[in-house]
Amino acid sequence: MTVDDIKDILERLKFPRRYISEQTAICIMALFNKTERTGLLSEHKSLSDGARIHDILNFSREVVGKKVAENTRESYRKTSLAPLMNHGIVVRHQLSTNDPNTYYRLHPDFEKLFSEGPDVAQERLIESLQMKATRGRDIVARKGERHGDVTVAIGNGRSFSLSPGAHNYLEKAVVEIFGRAFLEQPEVVYLGDTAPRKGYQNRALMRRLNLPIDTTASLPDVILCSELQKQVAIIEVVTSSGIVNTMRLEQLRRFAKGPKGLGYIISYVTAFPTRTIFRRFVEEIAWESSVWIENEPNNIVHFKEIGKWK
């Protein structure tokens, strides 16, 4: 597959045009490359197993024939790999911010796409990935049909339907992905809805946690609880506004006085769909709160004072 082929596919996937470049195409070519080579991370036989930025630069020099300086690492990271991650095409594997063994891989869905030739099968994959990338948000919001409701698995084989929209799709991800990743046997205490008076409340659990029931105007978007960990996660979901800033944190602390008094650990989290949206608000995030990003679901960012850092 050539650089032009990849750029054409990115266009059809509605990838941001300002990032559709030869450099971005080379990143994809490198991460798709299955040729066995030396000098990679331990247990990685080819770049498709996972490549560091250094490995991608070497591929650009040795295979594509580009004269690439080592100091272009930041350009590759910021203007190619980061947008590819935000669009779900590339997945980053990283243990910490400065992890020297951070590596990148193509998402399996897109690896399959780039392995197909320009035929009917590829067109079908592109259509499928377009729908998956947007999660049907635009279609659902436009049509507003009943079957477009957002169905959330709230546990014990039960589900709850929220109204259509990007905000509620992110709430679904918070419950089904964040909750299961960071809490043991999480229960949904409260689930807001962008449509008035359509949210979910587990009133018995709210009463047991001594959370106020009659103050719906001040409720956060999602409340999860783990009885095993004695932990309550209070989450604000942000697609355009509503972060946990300093003022909101104080409001939420007052709201959570009940479970805190019962010995529960309270976590305050802002959930974003992508780093792009997170960056708009990063300067306003309150200390002593955390951030979760949907398209990097196994990671969480804690804003902690030095004296309280562990």
C-alpha atoms as a PDB file:
ATOM      1  CA  MET A   1       0.000   0.000   0.000  1.00  0.00           C
ATOM      2  CA  THR A   2       1.418   3.392  -1.008  1.00  0.00           C
ATOM      3  CA  VAL A   3       1.415   6.744   0.734  1.00  0.00           C
ATOM      4  CA  ASP A   4      -1.260   7.990  -1.663  1.00  0.00           C
ATOM      5  CA  ASP A   5      -3.431   4.917  -1.012  1.00  0.00           C
ATOM      6  CA  ILE A   6      -3.307   5.560   2.726  1.00  0.00           C
ATOM      7  CA  LYS A   7      -4.016   9.275   2.332  1.00  0.00           C
ATOM      8  CA  ASP A   8      -7.023   8.409   0.165  1.00  0.00           C
ATOM      9  CA  ILE A   9      -8.372   6.039   2.834  1.00  0.00           C
ATOM     10  CA  LEU A  10      -7.863   8.684   5.543  1.00  0.00           C
ATOM     11  CA  GLU A  11      -9.842  11.145   3.428  1.00  0.00           C
ATOM     12  CA  ARG A  12     -12.727   8.704   3.122  1.00  0.00           C
ATOM     13  CA  LEU A  13     -12.602   8.030   6.867  1.00  0.00           C
ATOM     14  CA  LYS A  14     -13.068  11.797   7.390  1.00  0.00           C
ATOM     15  CA  PHE A  15      -9.738  12.024   9.170  1.00  0.00           C
ATOM     16  CA  PRO A  16      -8.835  15.719   9.820  1.00  0.00           C
ATOM     17  CA  ARG A  17      -7.371  17.033   6.572  1.00  0.00           C
ATOM     18  CA  ARG A  18      -4.658  19.106   8.234  1.00  0.00           C
ATOM     19  CA  TYR A  19      -3.120  15.863   9.529  1.00  0.00           C
ATOM     20  CA  ILE A  20      -3.363  13.903   6.271  1.00  0.00           C
ATOM     21  CA  SER A  21       0.301  14.051   5.307  1.00  0.00           C
ATOM     22  CA  GLU A  22       3.087  11.887   4.002  1.00  0.00           C
ATOM     23  CA  GLN A  23       4.406  11.664   7.565  1.00  0.00           C
ATOM     24  CA  THR A  24       1.076  10.341   8.878  1.00  0.00           C
ATOM     25  CA  ALA A  25       0.888   7.821   6.039  1.00  0.00           C
ATOM     26  CA  ILE A  26       4.418   6.629   6.826  1.00  0.00           C
ATOM     27  CA  CYS A  27       3.406   6.057  10.458  1.00  0.00           C
ATOM     28  CA  ILE A  28       0.598   3.779   9.286  1.00  0.00           C
ATOM     29  CA  MET A  29       2.878   2.007   6.813  1.00  0.00           C
ATOM     30  CA  ALA A  30       5.377   1.359   9.616  1.00  0.00           C
ATOM     31  CA  LEU A  31       2.775   0.056  12.064  1.00  0.00           C
ATOM     32  CA  PHE A  32       1.370  -2.215   9.369  1.00  0.00           C
ATOM     33  CA  ASN A  33       4.779  -3.604   8.389  1.00  0.00           C
ATOM     34  CA  LYS A  34       5.173  -7.296   9.251  1.00  0.00           C
ATOM     35  CA  THR A  35       8.762  -7.779   8.098  1.00  0.00           C
ATOM     36  CA  GLU A  36      10.877  -9.351  10.841  1.00  0.00           C
ATOM     37  CA  ARG A  37      13.675  -7.075  12.021  1.00  0.00           C
ATOM     38  CA  THR A  38      16.078  -6.599  14.926  1.00  0.00           C
ATOM     39  CA  GLY A  39      16.430  -3.673  17.319  1.00  0.00           C
ATOM     40  CA  LEU A  40      12.794  -3.632  18.415  1.00  0.00           C
ATOM     41  CA  LEU A  41      11.386  -4.032  21.897  1.00  0.00           C
ATOM     42  CA  SER A  42      11.789  -7.412  23.559  1.00  0.00           C
ATOM     43  CA  GLU A  43       9.389 -10.023  22.142  1.00  0.00           C
ATOM     44  CA  HIS A  44       8.517  -7.759  19.181  1.00  0.00           C
ATOM     45  CA  LYS A  45       9.525  -9.358  15.908  1.00  0.00           C
ATOM     46  CA  SER A  46       8.067  -6.767  13.541  1.00  0.00           C
ATOM     47  CA  LEU A  47       6.821  -3.186  13.666  1.00  0.00           C
ATOM     48  CA  SER A  48       3.247  -4.458  13.511  1.00  0.00           C
ATOM     49  CA  ASP A  49       3.823  -6.021  16.957  1.00  0.00           C
ATOM     50  CA  GLY A  50       4.378  -2.521  18.330  1.00  0.00           C
ATOM     51  CA  ALA A  51       6.745   0.284  17.384  1.00  0.00           C
ATOM     52  CA  ARG A  52       8.344   3.125  19.298  1.00  0.00           C
ATOM     53  CA  ILE A  53       8.671   6.509  17.601  1.00  0.00           C
ATOM     54  CA  HIS A  54      12.385   5.741  17.173  1.00  0.00           C
ATOM     55  CA  ASP A  55      11.436   2.556  15.282  1.00  0.00           C
ATOM     56  CA  ILE A  56       9.061   4.494  13.028  1.00  0.00           C
ATOM     57  CA  LEU A  57      11.808   7.014  12.235  1.00  0.00           C
ATOM     58  CA  ASN A  58      14.159   4.178  11.314  1.00  0.00           C
ATOM     59  CA  PHE A  59      11.471   2.716   9.033  1.00  0.00           C
ATOM     60  CA  SER A  60      11.075   6.084   7.349  1.00  0.00           C
ATOM     61  CA  ARG A  61      14.828   6.279   6.722  1.00  0.00           C
ATOM     62  CA  GLU A  62      15.569   2.681   5.791  1.00  0.00           C
ATOM     63  CA  VAL A  63      12.435   1.599   3.941  1.00  0.00           C
ATOM     64  CA  VAL A  64      10.860   4.780   2.580  1.00  0.00           C
ATOM     65  CA  GLY A  65      14.192   6.538   2.020  1.00  0.00           C
ATOM     66  CA  LYS A  66      13.312   9.766   3.834  1.00  0.00           C
ATOM     67  CA  LYS A  67      16.036  11.834   5.457  1.00  0.00           C
ATOM     68  CA  VAL A  68      14.505  12.097   8.910  1.00  0.00           C
ATOM     69  CA  ALA A  69      16.343  13.683  11.821  1.00  0.00           C
ATOM     70  CA  GLU A  70      15.920  12.264  15.330  1.00  0.00           C
ATOM     71  CA  ASN A  71      14.701  15.655  16.561  1.00  0.00           C
ATOM     72  CA  THR A  72      11.536  15.251  14.464  1.00  0.00           C
ATOM     73  CA  ARG A  73      10.173  12.835  17.112  1.00  0.00           C
ATOM     74  CA  GLU A  74       7.825  15.490  18.497  1.00  0.00           C
ATOM     75  CA  SER A  75       6.456  16.250  15.050  1.00  0.00           C
ATOM     76  CA  TYR A  76       5.664  12.576  14.511  1.00  0.00           C
ATOM     77  CA  ARG A  77       4.099  12.312  17.962  1.00  0.00           C
ATOM     78  CA  LYS A  78       2.008  15.495  17.902  1.00  0.00           C
ATOM     79  CA  THR A  79       0.961  15.876  14.276  1.00  0.00           C
ATOM     80  CA  SER A  80       0.631  12.233  13.237  1.00  0.00           C
ATOM     81  CA  LEU A  81       0.409   9.702  16.068  1.00  0.00           C
ATOM     82  CA  ALA A  82      -1.730  11.824  18.412  1.00  0.00           C
ATOM     83  CA  PRO A  83      -4.381  12.551  15.739  1.00  0.00           C
ATOM     84  CA  LEU A  84      -4.345   8.885  14.708  1.00  0.00           C
ATOM     85  CA  MET A  85      -4.992   7.922  18.348  1.00  0.00           C
ATOM     86  CA  ASN A  86      -7.768  10.482  18.685  1.00  0.00           C
ATOM     87  CA  HIS A  87      -9.445   8.955  15.636  1.00  0.00           C
ATOM     88  CA  GLY A  88      -9.073   5.420  17.008  1.00  0.00           C
ATOM     89  CA  ILE A  89      -6.754   4.254  14.218  1.00  0.00           C
ATOM     90  CA  VAL A  90      -3.702   3.813  16.458  1.00  0.00           C
ATOM     91  CA  VAL A  91      -3.482   2.541  20.030  1.00  0.00           C
ATOM     92  CA  ARG A  92      -0.683   3.620  22.376  1.00  0.00           C
ATOM     93  CA  HIS A  93       0.752   1.213  24.960  1.00  0.00           C
ATOM     94  CA  GLN A  94       2.277   3.203  27.818  1.00  0.00           C
ATOM     95  CA  LEU A  95       2.861   2.540  31.520  1.00  0.00           C
ATOM     96  CA  SER A  96       3.723   6.107  32.521  1.00  0.00           C
ATOM     97  CA  THR A  97       4.132   9.564  30.992  1.00  0.00           C
ATOM     98  CA  ASN A  98       7.860   9.162  30.362  1.00  0.00           C
ATOM     99  CA  ASP A  99       7.900   5.426  29.766  1.00  0.00           C
ATOM    100  CA  PRO A 100      10.853   4.812  27.402  1.00  0.00           C
ATOM    101  CA  ASN A 101       9.196   1.658  26.122  1.00  0.00           C
ATOM    102  CA  THR A 102       6.011   3.377  24.969  1.00  0.00           C
ATOM    103  CA  TYR A 103       4.951   1.844  21.685  1.00  0.00           C
ATOM    104  CA  TYR A 104       2.146   2.167  19.155  1.00  0.00           C
ATOM    105  CA  ARG A 105       0.046  -0.342  17.215  1.00  0.00           C
ATOM    106  CA  LEU A 106      -2.671  -0.150  14.605  1.00  0.00           C
ATOM    107  CA  HIS A 107      -6.107  -0.822  16.029  1.00  0.00           C
ATOM    108  CA  PRO A 108      -7.134  -4.324  14.832  1.00  0.00           C
ATOM    109  CA  ASP A 109     -10.100  -2.944  12.868  1.00  0.00           C
ATOM    110  CA  PHE A 110      -7.862  -0.593  10.909  1.00  0.00           C
ATOM    111  CA  GLU A 111      -5.118  -3.170  10.447  1.00  0.00           C
ATOM    112  CA  LYS A 112      -7.697  -5.261   8.644  1.00  0.00           C
ATOM    113  CA  LEU A 113      -8.722  -2.250   6.568  1.00  0.00           C
ATOM    114  CA  PHE A 114      -5.191  -1.484   5.371  1.00  0.00           C
ATOM    115  CA  SER A 115      -4.628  -5.135   4.472  1.00  0.00           C
ATOM    116  CA  GLU A 116      -7.524  -5.076   2.010  1.00  0.00           C
ATOM    117  CA  GLY A 117      -7.050  -4.001  -1.577  1.00  0.00           C
ATOM    118  CA  PRO A 118      -9.188  -1.300  -3.211  1.00  0.00           C
ATOM    119  CA  ASP A 119     -12.259  -3.466  -3.700  1.00  0.00           C
ATOM    120  CA  VAL A 120     -15.775  -3.976  -2.411  1.00  0.00           C
ATOM    121  CA  ALA A 121     -14.558  -5.530   0.846  1.00  0.00           C
ATOM    122  CA  GLN A 122     -12.492  -2.456   1.632  1.00  0.00           C
ATOM    123  CA  GLU A 123     -15.410  -0.142   0.873  1.00  0.00           C
ATOM    124  CA  ARG A 124     -17.601  -2.085   3.263  1.00  0.00           C
ATOM    125  CA  LEU A 125     -14.941  -1.877   5.955  1.00  0.00           C
ATOM    126  CA  ILE A 126     -14.626   1.885   5.478  1.00  0.00           C
ATOM    127  CA  GLU A 127     -18.367   2.320   5.817  1.00  0.00           C
ATOM    128  CA  SER A 128     -18.388   0.155   8.936  1.00  0.00           C
ATOM    129  CA  LEU A 129     -15.472   2.019  10.523  1.00  0.00           C
ATOM    130  CA  GLN A 130     -17.007   5.400   9.748  1.00  0.00           C
ATOM    131  CA  MET A 131     -20.099   4.374  11.660  1.00  0.00           C
ATOM    132  CA  LYS A 132     -18.088   2.867  14.485  1.00  0.00           C
ATOM    133  CA  ALA A 133     -15.790   5.880  14.812  1.00  0.00           C
ATOM    134  CA  THR A 134     -18.690   8.262  15.199  1.00  0.00           C
ATOM    135  CA  ARG A 135     -20.641   5.632  17.211  1.00  0.00           C
ATOM    136  CA  GLY A 136     -23.690   6.576  15.224  1.00  0.00           C
ATOM    137  CA  ARG A 137     -23.926   9.892  17.044  1.00  0.00           C
ATOM    138  CA  ASP A 138     -24.680  12.103  14.087  1.00  0.00           C
ATOM    139  CA  ILE A 139     -27.234   9.676  12.625  1.00  0.00           C
ATOM    140  CA  VAL A 140     -28.935   9.097  15.943  1.00  0.00           C
ATOM    141  CA  ALA A 141     -29.088  12.765  16.883  1.00  0.00           C
ATOM    142  CA  ARG A 142     -30.490  13.661  13.478  1.00  0.00           C
ATOM    143  CA  LYS A 143     -33.176  10.997  13.329  1.00  0.00           C
ATOM    144  CA  GLY A 144     -34.081  10.869  17.003  1.00  0.00           C
ATOM    145  CA  GLU A 145     -35.818   7.549  16.503  1.00  0.00           C
ATOM    146  CA  ARG A 146     -36.595   5.189  19.359  1.00  0.00           C
ATOM    147  CA  HIS A 147     -34.205   2.498  18.129  1.00  0.00           C
ATOM    148  CA  GLY A 148     -31.443   5.100  18.324  1.00  0.00           C
ATOM    149  CA  ASP A 149     -31.636   5.278  22.116  1.00  0.00           C
ATOM    150  CA  VAL A 150     -28.400   4.608  24.006  1.00  0.00           C
ATOM    151  CA  THR A 151     -28.747   1.322  25.891  1.00  0.00           C
ATOM    152  CA  VAL A 152     -26.510   1.049  28.958  1.00  0.00           C
ATOM    153  CA  ALA A 153     -25.805  -2.230  30.758  1.00  0.00           C
ATOM    154  CA  ILE A 154     -26.327  -1.299  34.420  1.00  0.00           C
ATOM    155  CA  GLY A 155     -25.589  -4.740  35.874  1.00  0.00           C
ATOM    156  CA  ASN A 156     -27.267  -8.003  36.842  1.00  0.00           C
ATOM    157  CA  GLY A 157     -28.447  -8.486  33.268  1.00  0.00           C
ATOM    158  CA  ARG A 158     -30.395  -5.232  33.326  1.00  0.00           C
ATOM    159  CA  SER A 159     -30.136  -2.278  30.983  1.00  0.00           C
ATOM    160  CA  PHE A 160     -31.384   1.290  30.861  1.00  0.00           C
ATOM    161  CA  SER A 161     -32.076   3.431  27.788  1.00  0.00           C
ATOM    162  CA  LEU A 162     -30.832   6.995  27.533  1.00  0.00           C
ATOM    163  CA  SER A 163     -31.832   9.463  24.848  1.00  0.00           C
ATOM    164  CA  PRO A 164     -29.634   9.739  21.708  1.00  0.00           C
ATOM    165  CA  GLY A 165     -26.533  11.917  21.615  1.00  0.00           C
ATOM    166  CA  ALA A 166     -22.752  12.042  22.023  1.00  0.00           C
ATOM    167  CA  HIS A 167     -22.966  12.946  25.716  1.00  0.00           C
ATOM    168  CA  ASN A 168     -24.987   9.846  26.550  1.00  0.00           C
ATOM    169  CA  TYR A 169     -22.746   7.597  24.455  1.00  0.00           C
ATOM    170  CA  LEU A 170     -19.872   8.781  26.636  1.00  0.00           C
ATOM    171  CA  GLU A 171     -21.926   8.053  29.766  1.00  0.00           C
ATOM    172  CA  LYS A 172     -22.414   4.520  28.436  1.00  0.00           C
ATOM    173  CA  ALA A 173     -18.634   4.168  28.046  1.00  0.00           C
ATOM    174  CA  VAL A 174     -18.097   5.429  31.591  1.00  0.00           C
ATOM    175  CA  VAL A 175     -20.437   2.766  33.001  1.00  0.00           C
ATOM    176  CA  GLU A 176     -19.428  -0.157  30.796  1.00  0.00           C
ATOM    177  CA  ILE A 177     -15.696   0.508  30.332  1.00  0.00           C
ATOM    178  CA  PHE A 178     -14.403   2.872  33.013  1.00  0.00           C
ATOM    179  CA  GLY A 179     -16.463   1.307  35.800  1.00  0.00           C
ATOM    180  CA  ARG A 180     -15.362  -2.232  35.034  1.00  0.00           C
ATOM    181  CA  ALA A 181     -11.712  -1.221  34.603  1.00  0.00           C
ATOM    182  CA  PHE A 182     -11.281   0.756  37.817  1.00  0.00           C
ATOM    183  CA  LEU A 183     -13.878  -0.570  40.274  1.00  0.00           C
ATOM    184  CA  GLU A 184     -14.551  -4.046  41.617  1.00  0.00           C
ATOM    185  CA  GLN A 185     -18.132  -5.170  40.957  1.00  0.00           C
ATOM    186  CA  PRO A 186     -19.340  -1.615  40.259  1.00  0.00           C
ATOM    187  CA  GLU A 187     -22.984  -0.691  40.734  1.00  0.00           C
ATOM    188  CA  VAL A 188     -24.712   2.199  38.982  1.00  0.00           C
ATOM    189  CA  VAL A 189     -26.055   4.607  41.586  1.00  0.00           C
ATOM    190  CA  TYR A 190     -27.152   7.345  39.235  1.00  0.00           C
ATOM    191  CA  LEU A 191     -27.120   7.922  35.493  1.00  0.00           C
ATOM    192  CA  GLY A 192     -28.112  11.296  34.103  1.00  0.00           C
ATOM    193  CA  ASP A 193     -29.715  11.971  30.741  1.00  0.00           C
ATOM    194  CA  THR A 194     -29.515  14.957  28.439  1.00  0.00           C
ATOM    195  CA  ALA A 195     -33.304  14.676  28.070  1.00  0.00           C
ATOM    196  CA  PRO A 196     -35.165  16.103  31.077  1.00  0.00           C
ATOM    197  CA  ARG A 197     -36.391  13.700  33.767  1.00  0.00           C
ATOM    198  CA  LYS A 198     -35.180  10.541  32.013  1.00  0.00           C
ATOM    199  CA  GLY A 199     -32.186   9.553  34.125  1.00  0.00           C
ATOM    200  CA  TYR A 200     -31.708   6.405  36.161  1.00  0.00           C
ATOM    201  CA  GLN A 201     -31.630   6.414  39.977  1.00  0.00           C
ATOM    202  CA  ASN A 202     -30.972   3.438  42.227  1.00  0.00           C
ATOM    203  CA  ARG A 203     -32.846   5.016  45.102  1.00  0.00           C
ATOM    204  CA  ALA A 204     -32.256   2.149  47.499  1.00  0.00           C
ATOM    205  CA  LEU A 205     -28.493   2.439  46.990  1.00  0.00           C
ATOM    206  CA  MET A 206     -28.580   6.245  47.174  1.00  0.00           C
ATOM    207  CA  ARG A 207     -30.408   5.966  50.479  1.00  0.00           C
ATOM    208  CA  ARG A 208     -27.899   3.396  51.773  1.00  0.00           C
ATOM    209  CA  LEU A 209     -25.028   5.715  50.817  1.00  0.00           C
ATOM    210  CA  ASN A 210     -26.824   8.642  52.423  1.00  0.00           C
ATOM    211  CA  LEU A 211     -26.752  10.597  49.170  1.00  0.00           C
ATOM    212  CA  PRO A 212     -29.376  13.336  48.741  1.00  0.00           C
ATOM    213  CA  ILE A 213     -32.166  12.183  46.433  1.00  0.00           C
ATOM    214  CA  ASP A 214     -34.183  15.349  45.995  1.00  0.00           C
ATOM    215  CA  THR A 215     -31.444  17.626  44.651  1.00  0.00           C
ATOM    216  CA  THR A 216     -31.388  16.448  41.046  1.00  0.00           C
ATOM    217  CA  ALA A 217     -30.306  19.902  39.805  1.00  0.00           C
ATOM    218  CA  SER A 218     -26.900  19.402  41.445  1.00  0.00           C
ATOM    219  CA  LEU A 219     -26.382  15.736  40.602  1.00  0.00           C
ATOM    220  CA  PRO A 220     -23.329  14.790  38.511  1.00  0.00           C
ATOM    221  CA  ASP A 221     -23.659  12.868  35.259  1.00  0.00           C
ATOM    222  CA  VAL A 222     -22.740   9.419  36.598  1.00  0.00           C
ATOM    223  CA  ILE A 223     -22.298   7.938  40.072  1.00  0.00           C
ATOM    224  CA  LEU A 224     -20.770   4.473  40.480  1.00  0.00           C
ATOM    225  CA  CYS A 225     -20.159   2.532  43.672  1.00  0.00           C
ATOM    226  CA  SER A 226     -18.060  -0.470  44.665  1.00  0.00           C
ATOM    227  CA  GLU A 227     -19.171  -1.935  47.969  1.00  0.00           C
ATOM    228  CA  LEU A 228     -16.130  -4.247  47.927  1.00  0.00           C
ATOM    229  CA  GLN A 229     -13.709  -1.334  47.755  1.00  0.00           C
ATOM    230  CA  LYS A 230     -15.894   1.029  49.777  1.00  0.00           C
ATOM    231  CA  GLN A 231     -15.469   3.537  46.954  1.00  0.00           C
ATOM    232  CA  VAL A 232     -17.809   5.935  45.197  1.00  0.00           C
ATOM    233  CA  ALA A 233     -16.839   7.449  41.820  1.00  0.00           C
ATOM    234  CA  ILE A 234     -18.552  10.703  40.911  1.00  0.00           C
ATOM    235  CA  ILE A 235     -18.099  11.430  37.212  1.00  0.00           C
ATOM    236  CA  GLU A 236     -18.821  14.442  35.046  1.00  0.00           C
ATOM    237  CA  VAL A 237     -19.035  13.596  31.349  1.00  0.00           C
ATOM    238  CA  VAL A 238     -17.726  16.255  28.986  1.00  0.00           C
ATOM    239  CA  THR A 239     -18.222  16.544  25.251  1.00  0.00           C
ATOM    240  CA  SER A 240     -18.515  20.331  25.290  1.00  0.00           C
ATOM    241  CA  SER A 241     -18.756  21.611  28.904  1.00  0.00           C
ATOM    242  CA  GLY A 242     -19.206  20.648  32.555  1.00  0.00           C
ATOM    243  CA  ILE A 243     -15.760  19.669  33.886  1.00  0.00           C
ATOM    244  CA  VAL A 244     -14.826  19.124  37.528  1.00  0.00           C
ATOM    245  CA  ASN A 245     -13.229  22.516  38.130  1.00  0.00           C
ATOM    246  CA  THR A 246     -12.514  24.002  41.572  1.00  0.00           C
ATOM    247  CA  MET A 247     -16.027  25.349  42.063  1.00  0.00           C
ATOM    248  CA  ARG A 248     -17.711  22.153  40.903  1.00  0.00           C
ATOM    249  CA  LEU A 249     -15.415  20.052  43.094  1.00  0.00           C
ATOM    250  CA  GLU A 250     -16.559  21.924  46.196  1.00  0.00           C
ATOM    251  CA  GLN A 251     -20.195  21.388  45.200  1.00  0.00           C
ATOM    252  CA  LEU A 252     -19.595  17.677  44.672  1.00  0.00           C
ATOM    253  CA  ARG A 253     -17.768  17.356  47.992  1.00  0.00           C
ATOM    254  CA  ARG A 254     -20.791  18.784  49.778  1.00  0.00           C
ATOM    255  CA  PHE A 255     -23.010  16.420  47.840  1.00  0.00           C
ATOM    256  CA  ALA A 256     -20.828  13.433  48.845  1.00  0.00           C
ATOM    257  CA  LYS A 257     -20.628  14.198  52.567  1.00  0.00           C
ATOM    258  CA  GLY A 258     -22.998  11.303  53.294  1.00  0.00           C
ATOM    259  CA  PRO A 259     -20.944   8.400  51.861  1.00  0.00           C
ATOM    260  CA  LYS A 260     -17.688  10.027  53.014  1.00  0.00           C
ATOM    261  CA  GLY A 261     -19.056  10.063  56.552  1.00  0.00           C
ATOM    262  CA  LEU A 262     -19.782   6.345  56.191  1.00  0.00           C
ATOM    263  CA  GLY A 263     -16.125   5.663  55.370  1.00  0.00           C
ATOM    264  CA  TYR A 264     -16.318   5.505  51.578  1.00  0.00           C
ATOM    265  CA  ILE A 265     -13.427   6.738  49.444  1.00  0.00           C
ATOM    266  CA  ILE A 266     -14.767   9.365  47.044  1.00  0.00           C
ATOM    267  CA  SER A 267     -13.213   9.829  43.596  1.00  0.00           C
ATOM    268  CA  TYR A 268     -14.079  12.831  41.434  1.00  0.00           C
ATOM    269  CA  VAL A 269     -13.538  12.245  37.714  1.00  0.00           C
ATOM    270  CA  THR A 270     -14.015  14.177  34.482  1.00  0.00           C
ATOM    271  CA  ALA A 271     -14.519  11.900  31.461  1.00  0.00           C
ATOM    272  CA  PHE A 272     -13.583  13.055  27.951  1.00  0.00           C
ATOM    273  CA  PRO A 273     -13.981  11.229  24.632  1.00  0.00           C
ATOM    274  CA  THR A 274     -10.527  12.243  23.306  1.00  0.00           C
ATOM    275  CA  ARG A 275      -7.355  14.078  24.261  1.00  0.00           C
ATOM    276  CA  THR A 276      -8.311  16.800  21.807  1.00  0.00           C
ATOM    277  CA  ILE A 277     -11.313  17.769  23.924  1.00  0.00           C
ATOM    278  CA  PHE A 278      -9.373  17.205  27.162  1.00  0.00           C
ATOM    279  CA  ARG A 279      -6.742  19.734  26.033  1.00  0.00           C
ATOM    280  CA  ARG A 280      -9.396  22.450  25.778  1.00  0.00           C
ATOM    281  CA  PHE A 281     -10.053  22.174  29.510  1.00  0.00           C
ATOM    282  CA  VAL A 282      -6.799  20.937  31.047  1.00  0.00           C
ATOM    283  CA  GLU A 283      -5.978  24.275  32.717  1.00  0.00           C
ATOM    284  CA  GLU A 284      -9.331  24.273  34.520  1.00  0.00           C
ATOM    285  CA  ILE A 285      -9.254  20.738  35.949  1.00  0.00           C
ATOM    286  CA  ALA A 286      -9.401  20.821  39.763  1.00  0.00           C
ATOM    287  CA  TRP A 287      -6.572  19.439  41.872  1.00  0.00           C
ATOM    288  CA  GLU A 288      -7.632  16.323  43.791  1.00  0.00           C
ATOM    289  CA  SER A 289      -9.725  15.162  40.848  1.00  0.00           C
ATOM    290  CA  SER A 290      -8.957  12.754  38.001  1.00  0.00           C
ATOM    291  CA  VAL A 291      -9.422  12.514  34.226  1.00  0.00           C
ATOM    292  CA  TRP A 292     -10.423   9.520  32.111  1.00  0.00           C
ATOM    293  CA  ILE A 293     -10.279   9.551  28.289  1.00  0.00           C
ATOM    294  CA  GLU A 294     -12.539   7.145  26.412  1.00  0.00           C
ATOM    295  CA  ASN A 295     -10.179   6.302  23.562  1.00  0.00           C
ATOM    296  CA  GLU A 296      -7.354   5.534  26.029  1.00  0.00           C
ATOM    297  CA  PRO A 297      -9.536   3.504  28.385  1.00  0.00           C
ATOM    298  CA  ASN A 298      -6.893   1.722  30.456  1.00  0.00           C
ATOM    299  CA  ASN A 299      -5.296   4.935  31.727  1.00  0.00           C
ATOM    300  CA  ILE A 300      -6.354   7.547  34.238  1.00  0.00           C
ATOM    301  CA  VAL A 301      -4.765  10.925  35.050  1.00  0.00           C
ATOM    302  CA  HIS A 302      -4.676  12.037  38.700  1.00  0.00           C
ATOM    303  CA  PHE A 303      -4.296  15.736  39.525  1.00  0.00           C
ATOM    304  CA  LYS A 304      -2.611  15.506  42.933  1.00  0.00           C
ATOM    305  CA  GLU A 305      -0.712  17.847  45.227  1.00  0.00           C
ATOM    306  CA  ILE A 306       2.867  16.726  45.810  1.00  0.00           C
ATOM    307  CA  GLY A 307       2.298  16.018  49.504  1.00  0.00           C
ATOM    308  CA  LYS A 308      -0.584  13.694  48.675  1.00  0.00           C
ATOM    309  CA  TRP A 309       0.986  11.903  45.736  1.00  0.00           C
ATOM    310  CA  LYS A 310       1.545   8.155  46.114  1.00  0.00           C
END
